[in-house]
PDB file of N, CA and C in Angstrom:
ATOM      1  N   MET A   1    -104.119  13.589  84.529  1.00  0.00           N
ATOM      2  CA  MET A   1    -103.801  13.654  85.796  1.00  0.00           C
ATOM      3  C   MET A   1    -102.708  14.758  85.968  1.00  0.00           C
ATOM      4  N   GLY A   2    -102.689  15.689  86.859  1.00  0.00           N
ATOM      5  CA  GLY A   2    -101.855  16.824  86.943  1.00  0.00           C
ATOM      6  C   GLY A   2    -100.655  16.325  87.727  1.00  0.00           C
ATOM      7  N   ARG A   3     -99.472  17.007  87.449  1.00  0.00           N
ATOM      8  CA  ARG A   3     -98.228  16.799  88.050  1.00  0.00           C
ATOM      9  C   ARG A   3     -97.663  17.962  88.883  1.00  0.00           C
ATOM     10  N   SER A   4     -97.947  19.120  88.456  1.00  0.00           N
ATOM     11  CA  SER A   4     -97.376  20.328  89.135  1.00  0.00           C
ATOM     12  C   SER A   4     -98.263  21.562  89.075  1.00  0.00           C
ATOM     13  N   VAL A   5     -98.395  22.300  89.973  1.00  0.00           N
ATOM     14  CA  VAL A   5     -99.186  23.464  89.902  1.00  0.00           C
ATOM     15  C   VAL A   5     -98.278  24.737  90.101  1.00  0.00           C
ATOM     16  N   ALA A   6     -98.354  25.676  89.258  1.00  0.00           N
ATOM     17  CA  ALA A   6     -97.697  26.993  89.364  1.00  0.00           C
ATOM     18  C   ALA A   6     -98.643  28.079  89.399  1.00  0.00           C
ATOM     19  N   ARG A   7     -98.544  29.159  90.159  1.00  0.00           N
ATOM     20  CA  ARG A   7     -99.432  30.205  90.445  1.00  0.00           C
ATOM     21  C   ARG A   7     -98.835  31.599  90.526  1.00  0.00           C
ATOM     22  N   VAL A   8     -99.095  32.463  89.844  1.00  0.00           N
ATOM     23  CA  VAL A   8     -98.723  33.913  89.935  1.00  0.00           C
ATOM     24  C   VAL A   8    -100.026  34.793  89.817  1.00  0.00           C
ATOM     25  N   GLY A   9    -100.396  35.383  90.883  1.00  0.00           N
ATOM     26  CA  GLY A   9    -101.590  36.177  91.010  1.00  0.00           C
ATOM     27  C   GLY A   9    -102.841  35.430  90.736  1.00  0.00           C
ATOM     28  N   GLN A  10    -103.665  35.742  89.898  1.00  0.00           N
ATOM     29  CA  GLN A  10    -104.753  35.142  89.463  1.00  0.00           C
ATOM     30  C   GLN A  10    -104.570  33.980  88.405  1.00  0.00           C
ATOM     31  N   ARG A  11    -103.298  33.834  87.795  1.00  0.00           N
ATOM     32  CA  ARG A  11    -103.136  32.928  86.780  1.00  0.00           C
ATOM     33  C   ARG A  11    -102.564  31.569  87.427  1.00  0.00           C
ATOM     34  N   ILE A  12    -103.128  30.362  86.983  1.00  0.00           N
ATOM     35  CA  ILE A  12    -102.745  29.151  87.504  1.00  0.00           C
ATOM     36  C   ILE A  12    -102.524  28.101  86.343  1.00  0.00           C
ATOM     37  N   TRP A  13    -101.433  27.379  86.466  1.00  0.00           N
ATOM     38  CA  TRP A  13    -101.086  26.248  85.568  1.00  0.00           C
ATOM     39  C   TRP A  13    -101.097  25.044  86.267  1.00  0.00           C
ATOM     40  N   LEU A  14    -101.656  23.965  85.684  1.00  0.00           N
ATOM     41  CA  LEU A  14    -101.626  22.662  86.152  1.00  0.00           C
ATOM     42  C   LEU A  14    -101.062  21.814  84.995  1.00  0.00           C
ATOM     43  N   SER A  15     -99.873  21.199  85.242  1.00  0.00           N
ATOM     44  CA  SER A  15     -99.318  20.340  84.102  1.00  0.00           C
ATOM     45  C   SER A  15    -100.011  18.955  84.159  1.00  0.00           C
ATOM     46  N   SER A  16     -99.815  18.257  83.134  1.00  0.00           N
ATOM     47  CA  SER A  16    -100.476  16.972  82.828  1.00  0.00           C
ATOM     48  C   SER A  16     -99.525  15.912  82.586  1.00  0.00           C
ATOM     49  N   ASP A  17     -99.981  14.733  82.476  1.00  0.00           N
ATOM     50  CA  ASP A  17     -99.193  13.534  82.038  1.00  0.00           C
ATOM     51  C   ASP A  17     -98.822  13.611  80.569  1.00  0.00           C
ATOM     52  N   ASP A  18     -99.635  14.501  79.826  1.00  0.00           N
ATOM     53  CA  ASP A  18     -99.339  14.565  78.494  1.00  0.00           C
ATOM     54  C   ASP A  18     -98.480  15.857  78.251  1.00  0.00           C
ATOM     55  N   GLU A  19     -97.213  15.757  78.268  1.00  0.00           N
ATOM     56  CA  GLU A  19     -96.327  16.869  78.378  1.00  0.00           C
ATOM     57  C   GLU A  19     -96.605  17.798  77.051  1.00  0.00           C
ATOM     58  N   SER A  20     -96.426  19.121  77.412  1.00  0.00           N
ATOM     59  CA  SER A  20     -96.893  20.208  76.527  1.00  0.00           C
ATOM     60  C   SER A  20     -98.283  20.465  76.618  1.00  0.00           C
ATOM     61  N   ARG A  21     -99.088  19.819  77.425  1.00  0.00           N
ATOM     62  CA  ARG A  21    -100.545  20.199  77.466  1.00  0.00           C
ATOM     63  C   ARG A  21    -100.784  20.592  79.088  1.00  0.00           C
ATOM     64  N   ALA A  22    -101.540  21.484  79.249  1.00  0.00           N
ATOM     65  CA  ALA A  22    -101.633  21.996  80.630  1.00  0.00           C
ATOM     66  C   ALA A  22    -103.244  22.466  80.814  1.00  0.00           C
ATOM     67  N   LEU A  23    -103.571  22.537  81.854  1.00  0.00           N
ATOM     68  CA  LEU A  23    -104.848  23.248  82.328  1.00  0.00           C
ATOM     69  C   LEU A  23    -104.359  24.684  82.853  1.00  0.00           C
ATOM     70  N   TYR A  24    -105.190  25.679  82.317  1.00  0.00           N
ATOM     71  CA  TYR A  24    -104.788  26.988  82.599  1.00  0.00           C
ATOM     72  C   TYR A  24    -105.989  28.006  83.070  1.00  0.00           C
ATOM     73  N   SER A  25    -105.775  28.688  84.075  1.00  0.00           N
ATOM     74  CA  SER A  25    -106.953  29.706  84.483  1.00  0.00           C
ATOM     75  C   SER A  25    -106.245  30.990  84.692  1.00  0.00           C
ATOM     76  N   SER A  26    -106.934  31.989  84.160  1.00  0.00           N
ATOM     77  CA  SER A  26    -106.440  33.382  84.242  1.00  0.00           C
ATOM     78  C   SER A  26    -107.195  34.159  85.344  1.00  0.00           C
ATOM     79  N   ASP A  27    -108.183  33.353  85.912  1.00  0.00           N
ATOM     80  CA  ASP A  27    -109.187  34.134  86.933  1.00  0.00           C
ATOM     81  C   ASP A  27    -109.175  33.372  88.290  1.00  0.00           C
ATOM     82  N   GLY A  28    -107.977  32.840  88.595  1.00  0.00           N
ATOM     83  CA  GLY A  28    -108.112  32.113  89.987  1.00  0.00           C
ATOM     84  C   GLY A  28    -108.704  30.875  89.984  1.00  0.00           C
ATOM     85  N   GLY A  29    -109.021  30.239  88.822  1.00  0.00           N
ATOM     86  CA  GLY A  29    -109.739  28.890  88.896  1.00  0.00           C
ATOM     87  C   GLY A  29    -111.148  28.933  88.654  1.00  0.00           C
ATOM     88  N   LEU A  30    -111.797  30.177  88.338  1.00  0.00           N
ATOM     89  CA  LEU A  30    -113.136  30.203  88.126  1.00  0.00           C
ATOM     90  C   LEU A  30    -113.566  29.604  86.717  1.00  0.00           C
ATOM     91  N   THR A  31    -112.590  29.774  85.717  1.00  0.00           N
ATOM     92  CA  THR A  31    -112.760  29.200  84.494  1.00  0.00           C
ATOM     93  C   THR A  31    -111.473  28.461  84.139  1.00  0.00           C
ATOM     94  N   ILE A  32    -111.438  27.262  83.522  1.00  0.00           N
ATOM     95  CA  ILE A  32    -110.391  26.548  83.206  1.00  0.00           C
ATOM     96  C   ILE A  32    -110.292  26.147  81.670  1.00  0.00           C
ATOM     97  N   GLN A  33    -109.110  26.258  81.041  1.00  0.00           N
ATOM     98  CA  GLN A  33    -109.116  25.898  79.694  1.00  0.00           C
ATOM     99  C   GLN A  33    -107.908  25.049  79.425  1.00  0.00           C
ATOM    100  N   GLU A  34    -107.874  24.075  78.535  1.00  0.00           N
ATOM    101  CA  GLU A  34    -106.745  23.323  78.263  1.00  0.00           C
ATOM    102  C   GLU A  34    -105.845  24.026  77.158  1.00  0.00           C
ATOM    103  N   VAL A  35    -104.596  24.069  77.294  1.00  0.00           N
ATOM    104  CA  VAL A  35    -103.697  24.836  76.455  1.00  0.00           C
ATOM    105  C   VAL A  35    -102.428  23.919  76.134  1.00  0.00           C
ATOM    106  N   THR A  36    -101.922  24.243  75.019  1.00  0.00           N
ATOM    107  CA  THR A  36    -100.715  23.632  74.486  1.00  0.00           C
ATOM    108  C   THR A  36     -99.538  24.597  74.718  1.00  0.00           C
ATOM    109  N   ILE A  37     -98.441  24.275  75.486  1.00  0.00           N
ATOM    110  CA  ILE A  37     -97.352  25.029  75.792  1.00  0.00           C
ATOM    111  C   ILE A  37     -96.105  24.352  75.332  1.00  0.00           C
ATOM    112  N   PRO A  38     -95.190  24.869  74.446  1.00  0.00           N
ATOM    113  CA  PRO A  38     -94.121  24.073  73.976  1.00  0.00           C
ATOM    114  C   PRO A  38     -93.059  23.895  74.933  1.00  0.00           C
ATOM    115  N   ASN A  39     -92.602  22.638  74.900  1.00  0.00           N
ATOM    116  CA  ASN A  39     -91.449  22.127  75.941  1.00  0.00           C
ATOM    117  C   ASN A  39     -91.805  22.264  77.431  1.00  0.00           C
ATOM    118  N   LEU A  40     -93.194  22.347  77.713  1.00  0.00           N
ATOM    119  CA  LEU A  40     -93.611  22.132  79.002  1.00  0.00           C
ATOM    120  C   LEU A  40     -93.484  20.757  79.504  1.00  0.00           C
ATOM    121  N   SER A  41     -93.057  20.557  80.737  1.00  0.00           N
ATOM    122  CA  SER A  41     -92.843  19.241  81.248  1.00  0.00           C
ATOM    123  C   SER A  41     -93.756  19.118  82.500  1.00  0.00           C
ATOM    124  N   ARG A  42     -93.739  18.157  83.313  1.00  0.00           N
ATOM    125  CA  ARG A  42     -94.570  18.060  84.441  1.00  0.00           C
ATOM    126  C   ARG A  42     -94.147  18.893  85.674  1.00  0.00           C
ATOM    127  N   ASP A  43     -93.018  19.355  85.599  1.00  0.00           N
ATOM    128  CA  ASP A  43     -92.487  20.241  86.734  1.00  0.00           C
ATOM    129  C   ASP A  43     -92.307  21.659  86.138  1.00  0.00           C
ATOM    130  N   ILE A  44     -93.107  22.505  86.549  1.00  0.00           N
ATOM    131  CA  ILE A  44     -93.109  23.866  86.223  1.00  0.00           C
ATOM    132  C   ILE A  44     -93.057  24.908  87.295  1.00  0.00           C
ATOM    133  N   LYS A  45     -92.428  25.965  86.993  1.00  0.00           N
ATOM    134  CA  LYS A  45     -92.313  27.229  87.797  1.00  0.00           C
ATOM    135  C   LYS A  45     -92.760  28.314  87.107  1.00  0.00           C
ATOM    136  N   ALA A  46     -93.482  29.476  87.634  1.00  0.00           N
ATOM    137  CA  ALA A  46     -93.922  30.450  86.826  1.00  0.00           C
ATOM    138  C   ALA A  46     -93.548  31.773  87.481  1.00  0.00           C
ATOM    139  N   ALA A  47     -93.325  32.777  86.796  1.00  0.00           N
ATOM    140  CA  ALA A  47     -93.207  34.228  87.095  1.00  0.00           C
ATOM    141  C   ALA A  47     -93.846  35.165  86.121  1.00  0.00           C
ATOM    142  N   GLU A  48     -94.172  36.369  86.590  1.00  0.00           N
ATOM    143  CA  GLU A  48     -94.933  37.406  85.685  1.00  0.00           C
ATOM    144  C   GLU A  48     -94.669  38.749  86.012  1.00  0.00           C
ATOM    145  N   GLY A  49     -94.407  39.574  85.067  1.00  0.00           N
ATOM    146  CA  GLY A  49     -94.079  41.021  85.181  1.00  0.00           C
ATOM    147  C   GLY A  49     -93.973  41.636  83.980  1.00  0.00           C
ATOM    148  N   ASN A  50     -94.431  43.008  84.040  1.00  0.00           N
ATOM    149  CA  ASN A  50     -94.341  43.822  82.797  1.00  0.00           C
ATOM    150  C   ASN A  50     -95.021  43.149  81.636  1.00  0.00           C
ATOM    151  N   GLY A  51     -96.106  42.447  81.858  1.00  0.00           N
ATOM    152  CA  GLY A  51     -96.845  41.847  80.819  1.00  0.00           C
ATOM    153  C   GLY A  51     -96.414  40.770  80.214  1.00  0.00           C
ATOM    154  N   VAL A  52     -95.297  40.090  80.765  1.00  0.00           N
ATOM    155  CA  VAL A  52     -94.660  38.912  80.319  1.00  0.00           C
ATOM    156  C   VAL A  52     -94.862  37.790  81.261  1.00  0.00           C
ATOM    157  N   ILE A  53     -95.353  36.547  80.860  1.00  0.00           N
ATOM    158  CA  ILE A  53     -95.486  35.476  81.743  1.00  0.00           C
ATOM    159  C   ILE A  53     -94.254  34.517  81.435  1.00  0.00           C
ATOM    160  N   VAL A  54     -93.488  33.948  82.446  1.00  0.00           N
ATOM    161  CA  VAL A  54     -92.356  33.069  82.070  1.00  0.00           C
ATOM    162  C   VAL A  54     -92.588  31.873  82.883  1.00  0.00           C
ATOM    163  N   LEU A  55     -92.526  30.727  82.198  1.00  0.00           N
ATOM    164  CA  LEU A  55     -92.462  29.371  82.821  1.00  0.00           C
ATOM    165  C   LEU A  55     -91.159  28.734  82.660  1.00  0.00           C
ATOM    166  N   LEU A  56     -90.665  28.091  83.704  1.00  0.00           N
ATOM    167  CA  LEU A  56     -89.485  27.374  83.583  1.00  0.00           C
ATOM    168  C   LEU A  56     -89.832  25.906  83.625  1.00  0.00           C
ATOM    169  N   SER A  57     -89.220  25.122  82.772  1.00  0.00           N
ATOM    170  CA  SER A  57     -89.430  23.671  82.802  1.00  0.00           C
ATOM    171  C   SER A  57     -88.254  22.911  82.270  1.00  0.00           C
ATOM    172  N   SER A  58     -88.054  21.815  82.746  1.00  0.00           N
ATOM    173  CA  SER A  58     -86.982  20.900  82.355  1.00  0.00           C
ATOM    174  C   SER A  58     -87.366  19.565  81.750  1.00  0.00           C
ATOM    175  N   LYS A  59     -86.784  18.967  80.887  1.00  0.00           N
ATOM    176  CA  LYS A  59     -87.057  17.583  80.254  1.00  0.00           C
ATOM    177  C   LYS A  59     -85.807  16.680  80.394  1.00  0.00           C
ATOM    178  N   ILE A  60     -86.009  15.469  80.642  1.00  0.00           N
ATOM    179  CA  ILE A  60     -84.944  14.612  80.477  1.00  0.00           C
ATOM    180  C   ILE A  60     -85.339  13.545  79.488  1.00  0.00           C
ATOM    181  N   GLN A  61     -84.457  13.409  78.425  1.00  0.00           N
ATOM    182  CA  GLN A  61     -84.694  12.457  77.348  1.00  0.00           C
ATOM    183  C   GLN A  61     -83.420  11.588  77.311  1.00  0.00           C
ATOM    184  N   GLY A  62     -83.579  10.369  77.648  1.00  0.00           N
ATOM    185  CA  GLY A  62     -82.447   9.462  77.865  1.00  0.00           C
ATOM    186  C   GLY A  62     -81.428   9.978  78.894  1.00  0.00           C
ATOM    187  N   SER A  63     -80.326  10.392  78.633  1.00  0.00           N
ATOM    188  CA  SER A  63     -79.490  10.943  79.766  1.00  0.00           C
ATOM    189  C   SER A  63     -79.216  12.444  79.499  1.00  0.00           C
ATOM    190  N   VAL A  64     -79.964  13.081  78.575  1.00  0.00           N
ATOM    191  CA  VAL A  64     -79.842  14.417  78.267  1.00  0.00           C
ATOM    192  C   VAL A  64     -80.964  15.277  79.025  1.00  0.00           C
ATOM    193  N   PHE A  65     -80.442  16.334  79.871  1.00  0.00           N
ATOM    194  CA  PHE A  65     -81.263  17.039  80.606  1.00  0.00           C
ATOM    195  C   PHE A  65     -81.326  18.429  80.078  1.00  0.00           C
ATOM    196  N   THR A  66     -82.496  18.974  79.736  1.00  0.00           N
ATOM    197  CA  THR A  66     -82.544  20.271  79.072  1.00  0.00           C
ATOM    198  C   THR A  66     -83.691  21.165  79.689  1.00  0.00           C
ATOM    199  N   SER A  67     -83.272  22.412  80.026  1.00  0.00           N
ATOM    200  CA  SER A  67     -84.092  23.318  80.640  1.00  0.00           C
ATOM    201  C   SER A  67     -84.617  24.498  79.672  1.00  0.00           C
ATOM    202  N   TYR A  68     -85.849  24.798  79.783  1.00  0.00           N
ATOM    203  CA  TYR A  68     -86.395  25.704  78.889  1.00  0.00           C
ATOM    204  C   TYR A  68     -87.035  27.090  79.670  1.00  0.00           C
ATOM    205  N   ALA A  69     -86.964  28.176  79.077  1.00  0.00           N
ATOM    206  CA  ALA A  69     -87.658  29.329  79.386  1.00  0.00           C
ATOM    207  C   ALA A  69     -88.739  29.426  78.429  1.00  0.00           C
ATOM    208  N   ILE A  70     -90.108  29.454  78.840  1.00  0.00           N
ATOM    209  CA  ILE A  70     -91.157  29.430  77.873  1.00  0.00           C
ATOM    210  C   ILE A  70     -91.900  30.761  78.371  1.00  0.00           C
ATOM    211  N   HIS A  71     -92.170  31.612  77.324  1.00  0.00           N
ATOM    212  CA  HIS A  71     -92.834  32.881  77.675  1.00  0.00           C
ATOM    213  C   HIS A  71     -93.909  33.227  76.749  1.00  0.00           C
ATOM    214  N   SER A  72     -94.776  34.075  77.353  1.00  0.00           N
ATOM    215  CA  SER A  72     -96.046  34.639  76.553  1.00  0.00           C
ATOM    216  C   SER A  72     -96.011  36.248  76.914  1.00  0.00           C
ATOM    217  N   THR A  73     -96.313  36.941  75.824  1.00  0.00           N
ATOM    218  CA  THR A  73     -96.369  38.390  76.014  1.00  0.00           C
ATOM    219  C   THR A  73     -97.922  38.899  75.634  1.00  0.00           C
ATOM    220  N   ASN A  74     -98.785  37.878  75.644  1.00  0.00           N
ATOM    221  CA  ASN A  74    -100.258  38.156  75.286  1.00  0.00           C
ATOM    222  C   ASN A  74    -101.107  37.390  76.385  1.00  0.00           C
ATOM    223  N   GLY A  75    -100.752  37.346  77.462  1.00  0.00           N
ATOM    224  CA  GLY A  75    -101.638  36.783  78.520  1.00  0.00           C
ATOM    225  C   GLY A  75    -101.777  35.348  78.352  1.00  0.00           C
ATOM    226  N   GLY A  76    -100.825  34.689  77.761  1.00  0.00           N
ATOM    227  CA  GLY A  76    -100.934  33.125  77.721  1.00  0.00           C
ATOM    228  C   GLY A  76    -101.790  32.650  76.385  1.00  0.00           C
ATOM    229  N   GLN A  77    -101.967  33.533  75.580  1.00  0.00           N
ATOM    230  CA  GLN A  77    -102.723  33.203  74.232  1.00  0.00           C
ATOM    231  C   GLN A  77    -101.830  32.349  73.378  1.00  0.00           C
ATOM    232  N   SER A  78    -100.551  32.753  73.344  1.00  0.00           N
ATOM    233  CA  SER A  78     -99.482  32.037  72.533  1.00  0.00           C
ATOM    234  C   SER A  78     -98.162  31.965  73.448  1.00  0.00           C
ATOM    235  N   TRP A  79     -97.282  31.037  72.997  1.00  0.00           N
ATOM    236  CA  TRP A  79     -96.154  30.803  73.823  1.00  0.00           C
ATOM    237  C   TRP A  79     -94.931  30.562  72.870  1.00  0.00           C
ATOM    238  N   SER A  80     -93.776  30.863  73.238  1.00  0.00           N
ATOM    239  CA  SER A  80     -92.541  30.509  72.631  1.00  0.00           C
ATOM    240  C   SER A  80     -91.674  29.999  73.750  1.00  0.00           C
ATOM    241  N   SER A  81     -90.668  29.292  73.280  1.00  0.00           N
ATOM    242  CA  SER A  81     -89.551  28.755  74.171  1.00  0.00           C
ATOM    243  C   SER A  81     -88.292  28.723  73.730  1.00  0.00           C
ATOM    244  N   GLN A  82     -87.305  28.714  74.595  1.00  0.00           N
ATOM    245  CA  GLN A  82     -85.913  28.682  74.156  1.00  0.00           C
ATOM    246  C   GLN A  82     -85.076  27.778  75.334  1.00  0.00           C
ATOM    247  N   VAL A  83     -84.134  27.184  74.913  1.00  0.00           N
ATOM    248  CA  VAL A  83     -83.136  26.403  75.816  1.00  0.00           C
ATOM    249  C   VAL A  83     -82.456  27.362  76.534  1.00  0.00           C
ATOM    250  N   ILE A  84     -82.335  27.221  77.945  1.00  0.00           N
ATOM    251  CA  ILE A  84     -81.478  27.981  78.704  1.00  0.00           C
ATOM    252  C   ILE A  84     -80.427  27.208  79.195  1.00  0.00           C
ATOM    253  N   TYR A  85     -80.256  25.969  79.205  1.00  0.00           N
ATOM    254  CA  TYR A  85     -79.169  25.107  79.467  1.00  0.00           C
ATOM    255  C   TYR A  85     -79.361  23.666  79.279  1.00  0.00           C
TER     256      TYR A  85
END
């Protein structure tokens, strides 16, 4: 079951109950694939420019709140993440 939708141009991400798993479409929803994206949570925001896709996501574990910048430089085929605070 999805939790959040982020869209930039023709790219769409739908987060799921299984964190780090998402549904992804690069063609406006005509085709959809399941992807694993590190540190993705149920609430996502997306931006894209100069060939880079950036997703912002936050997780709460116990009382610790951590935000991540997750990015791809190859059209969403692979992802890396880093803590931003």
